[in-house]
Amino acid sequence: MKKLLNNNSTATGILVVIISELVSAVIVFLVLRLLQLPTAENARWFALALVPPILLLRYYAKEQDYPSTLKAIITTLFVTAIAYFWFMLKNHYITFS
């Protein structure tokens, strides 16, 4: 696993972001289920799934010198953030009024 994370490739960046987002989204889902809260009404809490990729972005920007991985992390994080907000706007969880 450590060898995978210390690799300067686009696939590594995409894989790291997707795995971290999925793990954190599953944790948020399980917490909502544990507290018996409806998932659809509390969809805004899934924005917390974007925090681990931001921390990974900082790690790869400060500690590592892997430009390809860093570009992939930024692109994947941007795409998933846009998809999240598009979903929230489409389902009227966010309104501008």
PDB file of N, CA and C in Angstrom:
ATOM      1  N   MET A   1       0.820  -1.192   0.000  1.00  0.00           N
ATOM      2  CA  MET A   1       0.000   0.000   0.000  1.00  0.00           C
ATOM      3  C   MET A   1       0.865   1.258   0.000  1.00  0.00           C
ATOM      4  N   LYS A   2       1.934   1.224   0.780  1.00  0.00           N
ATOM      5  CA  LYS A   2       2.824   2.384   0.840  1.00  0.00           C
ATOM      6  C   LYS A   2       3.485   2.626  -0.515  1.00  0.00           C
ATOM      7  N   LYS A   3       3.780   1.542  -1.236  1.00  0.00           N
ATOM      8  CA  LYS A   3       4.383   1.674  -2.557  1.00  0.00           C
ATOM      9  C   LYS A   3       3.397   2.326  -3.533  1.00  0.00           C
ATOM     10  N   LEU A   4       2.113   2.003  -3.375  1.00  0.00           N
ATOM     11  CA  LEU A   4       1.094   2.613  -4.233  1.00  0.00           C
ATOM     12  C   LEU A   4       0.987   4.102  -3.978  1.00  0.00           C
ATOM     13  N   LEU A   5       1.036   4.520  -2.711  1.00  0.00           N
ATOM     14  CA  LEU A   5       0.897   5.930  -2.376  1.00  0.00           C
ATOM     15  C   LEU A   5       2.131   6.745  -2.748  1.00  0.00           C
ATOM     16  N   ASN A   6       3.275   6.117  -2.823  1.00  0.00           N
ATOM     17  CA  ASN A   6       4.506   6.811  -3.191  1.00  0.00           C
ATOM     18  C   ASN A   6       4.803   6.627  -4.675  1.00  0.00           C
ATOM     19  N   ASN A   7       3.825   6.901  -5.493  1.00  0.00           N
ATOM     20  CA  ASN A   7       3.939   6.712  -6.923  1.00  0.00           C
ATOM     21  C   ASN A   7       3.470   8.000  -7.609  1.00  0.00           C
ATOM     22  N   ASN A   8       4.227   8.476  -8.564  1.00  0.00           N
ATOM     23  CA  ASN A   8       3.875   9.700  -9.270  1.00  0.00           C
ATOM     24  C   ASN A   8       3.148   9.348 -10.560  1.00  0.00           C
ATOM     25  N   SER A   9       1.840   9.092 -10.427  1.00  0.00           N
ATOM     26  CA  SER A   9       1.049   8.788 -11.614  1.00  0.00           C
ATOM     27  C   SER A   9      -0.358   9.341 -11.444  1.00  0.00           C
ATOM     28  N   THR A  10      -1.005   9.544 -12.549  1.00  0.00           N
ATOM     29  CA  THR A  10      -2.367  10.053 -12.541  1.00  0.00           C
ATOM     30  C   THR A  10      -3.319   9.052 -11.906  1.00  0.00           C
ATOM     31  N   ALA A  11      -3.109   7.777 -12.192  1.00  0.00           N
ATOM     32  CA  ALA A  11      -3.978   6.739 -11.634  1.00  0.00           C
ATOM     33  C   ALA A  11      -3.914   6.715 -10.114  1.00  0.00           C
ATOM     34  N   THR A  12      -2.744   6.957  -9.560  1.00  0.00           N
ATOM     35  CA  THR A  12      -2.610   6.991  -8.105  1.00  0.00           C
ATOM     36  C   THR A  12      -3.434   8.118  -7.509  1.00  0.00           C
ATOM     37  N   GLY A  13      -3.382   9.284  -8.101  1.00  0.00           N
ATOM     38  CA  GLY A  13      -4.151  10.415  -7.605  1.00  0.00           C
ATOM     39  C   GLY A  13      -5.643  10.174  -7.664  1.00  0.00           C
ATOM     40  N   ILE A  14      -6.114   9.649  -8.779  1.00  0.00           N
ATOM     41  CA  ILE A  14      -7.543   9.370  -8.928  1.00  0.00           C
ATOM     42  C   ILE A  14      -7.984   8.303  -7.936  1.00  0.00           C
ATOM     43  N   LEU A  15      -7.198   7.246  -7.822  1.00  0.00           N
ATOM     44  CA  LEU A  15      -7.531   6.144  -6.919  1.00  0.00           C
ATOM     45  C   LEU A  15      -7.558   6.587  -5.465  1.00  0.00           C
ATOM     46  N   VAL A  16      -6.589   7.377  -5.052  1.00  0.00           N
ATOM     47  CA  VAL A  16      -6.513   7.838  -3.671  1.00  0.00           C
ATOM     48  C   VAL A  16      -7.717   8.713  -3.327  1.00  0.00           C
ATOM     49  N   VAL A  17      -8.106   9.601  -4.220  1.00  0.00           N
ATOM     50  CA  VAL A  17      -9.243  10.491  -3.958  1.00  0.00           C
ATOM     51  C   VAL A  17     -10.544   9.701  -3.908  1.00  0.00           C
ATOM     52  N   ILE A  18     -10.752   8.823  -4.862  1.00  0.00           N
ATOM     53  CA  ILE A  18     -12.004   8.056  -4.896  1.00  0.00           C
ATOM     54  C   ILE A  18     -12.135   7.165  -3.668  1.00  0.00           C
ATOM     55  N   ILE A  19     -11.069   6.497  -3.283  1.00  0.00           N
ATOM     56  CA  ILE A  19     -11.127   5.630  -2.103  1.00  0.00           C
ATOM     57  C   ILE A  19     -11.389   6.446  -0.845  1.00  0.00           C
ATOM     58  N   SER A  20     -10.707   7.570  -0.689  1.00  0.00           N
ATOM     59  CA  SER A  20     -10.911   8.369   0.518  1.00  0.00           C
ATOM     60  C   SER A  20     -12.319   8.958   0.573  1.00  0.00           C
ATOM     61  N   GLU A  21     -12.862   9.367  -0.578  1.00  0.00           N
ATOM     62  CA  GLU A  21     -14.227   9.889  -0.601  1.00  0.00           C
ATOM     63  C   GLU A  21     -15.244   8.795  -0.305  1.00  0.00           C
ATOM     64  N   LEU A  22     -15.040   7.620  -0.861  1.00  0.00           N
ATOM     65  CA  LEU A  22     -15.972   6.527  -0.602  1.00  0.00           C
ATOM     66  C   LEU A  22     -15.968   6.108   0.862  1.00  0.00           C
ATOM     67  N   VAL A  23     -14.786   5.997   1.448  1.00  0.00           N
ATOM     68  CA  VAL A  23     -14.695   5.601   2.852  1.00  0.00           C
ATOM     69  C   VAL A  23     -15.379   6.633   3.740  1.00  0.00           C
ATOM     70  N   SER A  24     -15.124   7.905   3.514  1.00  0.00           N
ATOM     71  CA  SER A  24     -15.753   8.925   4.350  1.00  0.00           C
ATOM     72  C   SER A  24     -17.256   9.029   4.094  1.00  0.00           C
ATOM     73  N   ALA A  25     -17.716   8.801   2.872  1.00  0.00           N
ATOM     74  CA  ALA A  25     -19.154   8.820   2.589  1.00  0.00           C
ATOM     75  C   ALA A  25     -19.849   7.640   3.272  1.00  0.00           C
ATOM     76  N   VAL A  26     -19.208   6.497   3.290  1.00  0.00           N
ATOM     77  CA  VAL A  26     -19.779   5.338   3.981  1.00  0.00           C
ATOM     78  C   VAL A  26     -19.850   5.601   5.486  1.00  0.00           C
ATOM     79  N   ILE A  27     -18.840   6.241   6.037  1.00  0.00           N
ATOM     80  CA  ILE A  27     -18.860   6.576   7.465  1.00  0.00           C
ATOM     81  C   ILE A  27     -20.005   7.539   7.771  1.00  0.00           C
ATOM     82  N   VAL A  28     -20.198   8.557   6.939  1.00  0.00           N
ATOM     83  CA  VAL A  28     -21.304   9.502   7.134  1.00  0.00           C
ATOM     84  C   VAL A  28     -22.640   8.774   7.022  1.00  0.00           C
ATOM     85  N   PHE A  29     -22.756   7.878   6.042  1.00  0.00           N
ATOM     86  CA  PHE A  29     -23.983   7.111   5.869  1.00  0.00           C
ATOM     87  C   PHE A  29     -24.273   6.256   7.100  1.00  0.00           C
ATOM     88  N   LEU A  30     -23.255   5.590   7.621  1.00  0.00           N
ATOM     89  CA  LEU A  30     -23.447   4.737   8.799  1.00  0.00           C
ATOM     90  C   LEU A  30     -23.815   5.556  10.029  1.00  0.00           C
ATOM     91  N   VAL A  31     -23.227   6.734  10.175  1.00  0.00           N
ATOM     92  CA  VAL A  31     -23.582   7.601  11.302  1.00  0.00           C
ATOM     93  C   VAL A  31     -25.037   8.059  11.180  1.00  0.00           C
ATOM     94  N   LEU A  32     -25.466   8.417   9.969  1.00  0.00           N
ATOM     95  CA  LEU A  32     -26.860   8.808   9.776  1.00  0.00           C
ATOM     96  C   LEU A  32     -27.803   7.655  10.090  1.00  0.00           C
ATOM     97  N   ARG A  33     -27.435   6.461   9.676  1.00  0.00           N
ATOM     98  CA  ARG A  33     -28.251   5.279   9.981  1.00  0.00           C
ATOM     99  C   ARG A  33     -28.262   4.977  11.472  1.00  0.00           C
ATOM    100  N   LEU A  34     -27.115   5.126  12.115  1.00  0.00           N
ATOM    101  CA  LEU A  34     -27.014   4.870  13.550  1.00  0.00           C
ATOM    102  C   LEU A  34     -27.880   5.843  14.348  1.00  0.00           C
ATOM    103  N   LEU A  35     -27.926   7.090  13.919  1.00  0.00           N
ATOM    104  CA  LEU A  35     -28.745   8.102  14.579  1.00  0.00           C
ATOM    105  C   LEU A  35     -30.195   8.085  14.095  1.00  0.00           C
ATOM    106  N   GLN A  36     -30.509   7.178  13.176  1.00  0.00           N
ATOM    107  CA  GLN A  36     -31.845   7.006  12.595  1.00  0.00           C
ATOM    108  C   GLN A  36     -32.368   8.292  11.958  1.00  0.00           C
ATOM    109  N   LEU A  37     -31.491   8.956  11.239  1.00  0.00           N
ATOM    110  CA  LEU A  37     -31.863  10.158  10.510  1.00  0.00           C
ATOM    111  C   LEU A  37     -32.086   9.808   9.044  1.00  0.00           C
ATOM    112  N   PRO A  38     -33.067  10.417   8.397  1.00  0.00           N
ATOM    113  CA  PRO A  38     -33.290  10.123   6.976  1.00  0.00           C
ATOM    114  C   PRO A  38     -32.123  10.638   6.124  1.00  0.00           C
ATOM    115  N   THR A  39     -31.665   9.785   5.259  1.00  0.00           N
ATOM    116  CA  THR A  39     -30.497  10.113   4.445  1.00  0.00           C
ATOM    117  C   THR A  39     -30.793  11.234   3.450  1.00  0.00           C
ATOM    118  N   ALA A  40     -31.961  11.215   2.837  1.00  0.00           N
ATOM    119  CA  ALA A  40     -32.278  12.219   1.817  1.00  0.00           C
ATOM    120  C   ALA A  40     -32.362  13.621   2.413  1.00  0.00           C
ATOM    121  N   GLU A  41     -32.940  13.743   3.591  1.00  0.00           N
ATOM    122  CA  GLU A  41     -33.079  15.056   4.208  1.00  0.00           C
ATOM    123  C   GLU A  41     -31.761  15.580   4.765  1.00  0.00           C
ATOM    124  N   ASN A  42     -30.823  14.700   5.019  1.00  0.00           N
ATOM    125  CA  ASN A  42     -29.537  15.093   5.587  1.00  0.00           C
ATOM    126  C   ASN A  42     -28.395  14.882   4.598  1.00  0.00           C
ATOM    127  N   ALA A  43     -28.690  15.044   3.312  1.00  0.00           N
ATOM    128  CA  ALA A  43     -27.686  14.829   2.268  1.00  0.00           C
ATOM    129  C   ALA A  43     -26.544  15.831   2.355  1.00  0.00           C
ATOM    130  N   ARG A  44     -26.781  16.977   2.996  1.00  0.00           N
ATOM    131  CA  ARG A  44     -25.723  17.991   3.116  1.00  0.00           C
ATOM    132  C   ARG A  44     -24.538  17.486   3.918  1.00  0.00           C
ATOM    133  N   TRP A  45     -24.755  16.494   4.774  1.00  0.00           N
ATOM    134  CA  TRP A  45     -23.656  15.959   5.585  1.00  0.00           C
ATOM    135  C   TRP A  45     -22.645  15.194   4.736  1.00  0.00           C
ATOM    136  N   PHE A  46     -23.039  14.794   3.548  1.00  0.00           N
ATOM    137  CA  PHE A  46     -22.115  14.077   2.679  1.00  0.00           C
ATOM    138  C   PHE A  46     -21.024  14.996   2.116  1.00  0.00           C
ATOM    139  N   ALA A  47     -21.138  16.290   2.348  1.00  0.00           N
ATOM    140  CA  ALA A  47     -20.061  17.212   1.976  1.00  0.00           C
ATOM    141  C   ALA A  47     -18.806  16.927   2.798  1.00  0.00           C
ATOM    142  N   LEU A  48     -18.978  16.286   3.946  1.00  0.00           N
ATOM    143  CA  LEU A  48     -17.809  15.903   4.759  1.00  0.00           C
ATOM    144  C   LEU A  48     -16.922  14.886   4.038  1.00  0.00           C
ATOM    145  N   ALA A  49     -17.460  14.221   3.035  1.00  0.00           N
ATOM    146  CA  ALA A  49     -16.657  13.269   2.262  1.00  0.00           C
ATOM    147  C   ALA A  49     -15.602  13.980   1.421  1.00  0.00           C
ATOM    148  N   LEU A  50     -15.712  15.293   1.273  1.00  0.00           N
ATOM    149  CA  LEU A  50     -14.720  16.049   0.511  1.00  0.00           C
ATOM    150  C   LEU A  50     -13.537  16.491   1.371  1.00  0.00           C
ATOM    151  N   VAL A  51     -13.616  16.314   2.677  1.00  0.00           N
ATOM    152  CA  VAL A  51     -12.529  16.756   3.561  1.00  0.00           C
ATOM    153  C   VAL A  51     -11.269  15.886   3.427  1.00  0.00           C
ATOM    154  N   PRO A  52     -11.352  14.551   3.461  1.00  0.00           N
ATOM    155  CA  PRO A  52     -10.119  13.760   3.324  1.00  0.00           C
ATOM    156  C   PRO A  52      -9.335  14.006   2.037  1.00  0.00           C
ATOM    157  N   PRO A  53      -9.985  14.184   0.874  1.00  0.00           N
ATOM    158  CA  PRO A  53      -9.196  14.512  -0.317  1.00  0.00           C
ATOM    159  C   PRO A  53      -8.480  15.858  -0.215  1.00  0.00           C
ATOM    160  N   ILE A  54      -9.095  16.810   0.492  1.00  0.00           N
ATOM    161  CA  ILE A  54      -8.425  18.097   0.687  1.00  0.00           C
ATOM    162  C   ILE A  54      -7.176  17.912   1.541  1.00  0.00           C
ATOM    163  N   LEU A  55      -7.273  17.060   2.557  1.00  0.00           N
ATOM    164  CA  LEU A  55      -6.098  16.765   3.384  1.00  0.00           C
ATOM    165  C   LEU A  55      -5.026  16.015   2.581  1.00  0.00           C
ATOM    166  N   LEU A  56      -5.468  15.104   1.701  1.00  0.00           N
ATOM    167  CA  LEU A  56      -4.511  14.417   0.831  1.00  0.00           C
ATOM    168  C   LEU A  56      -3.863  15.394  -0.144  1.00  0.00           C
ATOM    169  N   LEU A  57      -4.636  16.348  -0.622  1.00  0.00           N
ATOM    170  CA  LEU A  57      -4.097  17.379  -1.509  1.00  0.00           C
ATOM    171  C   LEU A  57      -2.988  18.150  -0.809  1.00  0.00           C
ATOM    172  N   ARG A  58      -3.227  18.524   0.424  1.00  0.00           N
ATOM    173  CA  ARG A  58      -2.210  19.242   1.191  1.00  0.00           C
ATOM    174  C   ARG A  58      -0.972  18.372   1.415  1.00  0.00           C
ATOM    175  N   TYR A  59      -1.187  17.084   1.724  1.00  0.00           N
ATOM    176  CA  TYR A  59      -0.068  16.177   1.949  1.00  0.00           C
ATOM    177  C   TYR A  59       0.799  16.052   0.695  1.00  0.00           C
ATOM    178  N   TYR A  60       0.160  15.829  -0.442  1.00  0.00           N
ATOM    179  CA  TYR A  60       0.934  15.660  -1.674  1.00  0.00           C
ATOM    180  C   TYR A  60       1.555  16.979  -2.134  1.00  0.00           C
ATOM    181  N   ALA A  61       0.950  18.103  -1.787  1.00  0.00           N
ATOM    182  CA  ALA A  61       1.513  19.399  -2.190  1.00  0.00           C
ATOM    183  C   ALA A  61       2.706  19.780  -1.317  1.00  0.00           C
ATOM    184  N   LYS A  62       2.623  19.498  -0.028  1.00  0.00           N
ATOM    185  CA  LYS A  62       3.675  19.926   0.903  1.00  0.00           C
ATOM    186  C   LYS A  62       4.790  18.894   1.070  1.00  0.00           C
ATOM    187  N   GLU A  63       4.411  17.644   1.275  1.00  0.00           N
ATOM    188  CA  GLU A  63       5.374  16.619   1.665  1.00  0.00           C
ATOM    189  C   GLU A  63       5.997  15.875   0.485  1.00  0.00           C
ATOM    190  N   GLN A  64       5.237  15.668  -0.562  1.00  0.00           N
ATOM    191  CA  GLN A  64       5.713  14.882  -1.698  1.00  0.00           C
ATOM    192  C   GLN A  64       5.983  15.803  -2.882  1.00  0.00           C
ATOM    193  N   ASP A  65       6.784  15.323  -3.795  1.00  0.00           N
ATOM    194  CA  ASP A  65       7.050  16.066  -5.021  1.00  0.00           C
ATOM    195  C   ASP A  65       6.567  15.234  -6.210  1.00  0.00           C
ATOM    196  N   TYR A  66       5.237  15.053  -6.279  1.00  0.00           N
ATOM    197  CA  TYR A  66       4.630  14.244  -7.323  1.00  0.00           C
ATOM    198  C   TYR A  66       3.627  15.102  -8.097  1.00  0.00           C
ATOM    199  N   PRO A  67       4.069  15.810  -9.128  1.00  0.00           N
ATOM    200  CA  PRO A  67       3.156  16.715  -9.839  1.00  0.00           C
ATOM    201  C   PRO A  67       2.000  16.005 -10.556  1.00  0.00           C
ATOM    202  N   SER A  68       2.230  14.837 -11.121  1.00  0.00           N
ATOM    203  CA  SER A  68       1.150  14.133 -11.824  1.00  0.00           C
ATOM    204  C   SER A  68       0.059  13.690 -10.859  1.00  0.00           C
ATOM    205  N   THR A  69       0.462  13.179  -9.714  1.00  0.00           N
ATOM    206  CA  THR A  69      -0.504  12.762  -8.704  1.00  0.00           C
ATOM    207  C   THR A  69      -1.266  13.960  -8.178  1.00  0.00           C
ATOM    208  N   LEU A  70      -0.577  15.050  -7.968  1.00  0.00           N
ATOM    209  CA  LEU A  70      -1.202  16.265  -7.454  1.00  0.00           C
ATOM    210  C   LEU A  70      -2.233  16.826  -8.442  1.00  0.00           C
ATOM    211  N   LYS A  71      -1.904  16.820  -9.720  1.00  0.00           N
ATOM    212  CA  LYS A  71      -2.853  17.290 -10.744  1.00  0.00           C
ATOM    213  C   LYS A  71      -4.100  16.406 -10.782  1.00  0.00           C
ATOM    214  N   ALA A  72      -3.898  15.098 -10.656  1.00  0.00           N
ATOM    215  CA  ALA A  72      -5.026  14.165 -10.669  1.00  0.00           C
ATOM    216  C   ALA A  72      -5.904  14.364  -9.438  1.00  0.00           C
ATOM    217  N   ILE A  73      -5.295  14.623  -8.291  1.00  0.00           N
ATOM    218  CA  ILE A  73      -6.064  14.864  -7.067  1.00  0.00           C
ATOM    219  C   ILE A  73      -6.898  16.135  -7.215  1.00  0.00           C
ATOM    220  N   ILE A  74      -6.296  17.190  -7.717  1.00  0.00           N
ATOM    221  CA  ILE A  74      -7.014  18.458  -7.884  1.00  0.00           C
ATOM    222  C   ILE A  74      -8.182  18.286  -8.858  1.00  0.00           C
ATOM    223  N   THR A  75      -7.933  17.623  -9.978  1.00  0.00           N
ATOM    224  CA  THR A  75      -8.978  17.437 -10.987  1.00  0.00           C
ATOM    225  C   THR A  75     -10.113  16.577 -10.455  1.00  0.00           C
ATOM    226  N   THR A  76      -9.792  15.466  -9.821  1.00  0.00           N
ATOM    227  CA  THR A  76     -10.815  14.572  -9.294  1.00  0.00           C
ATOM    228  C   THR A  76     -11.615  15.240  -8.185  1.00  0.00           C
ATOM    229  N   LEU A  77     -10.943  15.975  -7.325  1.00  0.00           N
ATOM    230  CA  LEU A  77     -11.632  16.682  -6.247  1.00  0.00           C
ATOM    231  C   LEU A  77     -12.577  17.744  -6.820  1.00  0.00           C
ATOM    232  N   PHE A  78     -12.130  18.460  -7.838  1.00  0.00           N
ATOM    233  CA  PHE A  78     -12.973  19.464  -8.480  1.00  0.00           C
ATOM    234  C   PHE A  78     -14.202  18.827  -9.116  1.00  0.00           C
ATOM    235  N   VAL A  79     -14.022  17.739  -9.819  1.00  0.00           N
ATOM    236  CA  VAL A  79     -15.134  17.067 -10.497  1.00  0.00           C
ATOM    237  C   VAL A  79     -16.135  16.529  -9.481  1.00  0.00           C
ATOM    238  N   THR A  80     -15.669  15.907  -8.411  1.00  0.00           N
ATOM    239  CA  THR A  80     -16.596  15.368  -7.418  1.00  0.00           C
ATOM    240  C   THR A  80     -17.300  16.482  -6.642  1.00  0.00           C
ATOM    241  N   ALA A  81     -16.629  17.590  -6.386  1.00  0.00           N
ATOM    242  CA  ALA A  81     -17.274  18.709  -5.699  1.00  0.00           C
ATOM    243  C   ALA A  81     -18.362  19.314  -6.583  1.00  0.00           C
ATOM    244  N   ILE A  82     -18.087  19.485  -7.867  1.00  0.00           N
ATOM    245  CA  ILE A  82     -19.095  19.993  -8.802  1.00  0.00           C
ATOM    246  C   ILE A  82     -20.269  19.022  -8.886  1.00  0.00           C
ATOM    247  N   ALA A  83     -20.007  17.728  -8.936  1.00  0.00           N
ATOM    248  CA  ALA A  83     -21.082  16.726  -8.991  1.00  0.00           C
ATOM    249  C   ALA A  83     -21.928  16.764  -7.721  1.00  0.00           C
ATOM    250  N   TYR A  84     -21.291  16.943  -6.577  1.00  0.00           N
ATOM    251  CA  TYR A  84     -22.023  17.019  -5.305  1.00  0.00           C
ATOM    252  C   TYR A  84     -22.951  18.233  -5.304  1.00  0.00           C
ATOM    253  N   PHE A  85     -22.435  19.398  -5.656  1.00  0.00           N
ATOM    254  CA  PHE A  85     -23.264  20.591  -5.639  1.00  0.00           C
ATOM    255  C   PHE A  85     -24.339  20.562  -6.724  1.00  0.00           C
ATOM    256  N   TRP A  86     -24.058  19.960  -7.860  1.00  0.00           N
ATOM    257  CA  TRP A  86     -25.072  19.791  -8.898  1.00  0.00           C
ATOM    258  C   TRP A  86     -26.204  18.917  -8.385  1.00  0.00           C
ATOM    259  N   PHE A  87     -25.861  17.828  -7.698  1.00  0.00           N
ATOM    260  CA  PHE A  87     -26.866  16.941  -7.117  1.00  0.00           C
ATOM    261  C   PHE A  87     -27.711  17.682  -6.078  1.00  0.00           C
ATOM    262  N   MET A  88     -27.057  18.472  -5.234  1.00  0.00           N
ATOM    263  CA  MET A  88     -27.774  19.207  -4.193  1.00  0.00           C
ATOM    264  C   MET A  88     -28.711  20.262  -4.810  1.00  0.00           C
ATOM    265  N   LEU A  89     -28.283  20.942  -5.852  1.00  0.00           N
ATOM    266  CA  LEU A  89     -29.120  21.934  -6.524  1.00  0.00           C
ATOM    267  C   LEU A  89     -30.277  21.278  -7.278  1.00  0.00           C
ATOM    268  N   LYS A  90     -29.979  20.163  -7.931  1.00  0.00           N
ATOM    269  CA  LYS A  90     -30.998  19.471  -8.712  1.00  0.00           C
ATOM    270  C   LYS A  90     -32.115  18.965  -7.819  1.00  0.00           C
ATOM    271  N   ASN A  91     -31.784  18.496  -6.644  1.00  0.00           N
ATOM    272  CA  ASN A  91     -32.791  17.939  -5.739  1.00  0.00           C
ATOM    273  C   ASN A  91     -33.319  18.973  -4.735  1.00  0.00           C
ATOM    274  N   HIS A  92     -32.997  20.220  -4.968  1.00  0.00           N
ATOM    275  CA  HIS A  92     -33.515  21.340  -4.160  1.00  0.00           C
ATOM    276  C   HIS A  92     -33.119  21.266  -2.690  1.00  0.00           C
ATOM    277  N   TYR A  93     -31.941  20.712  -2.409  1.00  0.00           N
ATOM    278  CA  TYR A  93     -31.429  20.734  -1.041  1.00  0.00           C
ATOM    279  C   TYR A  93     -30.730  22.055  -0.770  1.00  0.00           C
ATOM    280  N   ILE A  94     -30.308  22.732  -1.834  1.00  0.00           N
ATOM    281  CA  ILE A  94     -29.722  24.068  -1.733  1.00  0.00           C
ATOM    282  C   ILE A  94     -30.599  24.991  -2.577  1.00  0.00           C
ATOM    283  N   THR A  95     -31.011  26.107  -1.992  1.00  0.00           N
ATOM    284  CA  THR A  95     -31.826  27.049  -2.748  1.00  0.00           C
ATOM    285  C   THR A  95     -31.201  28.432  -2.629  1.00  0.00           C
ATOM    286  N   PHE A  96     -31.394  29.230  -3.645  1.00  0.00           N
ATOM    287  CA  PHE A  96     -30.922  30.605  -3.652  1.00  0.00           C
ATOM    288  C   PHE A  96     -32.120  31.538  -3.558  1.00  0.00           C
ATOM    289  N   SER A  97     -32.527  31.832  -2.351  1.00  0.00           N
ATOM    290  CA  SER A  97     -33.678  32.743  -2.190  1.00  0.00           C
ATOM    291  C   SER A  97     -33.489  33.647  -0.988  1.00  0.00           C
TER     292      SER A  97
END
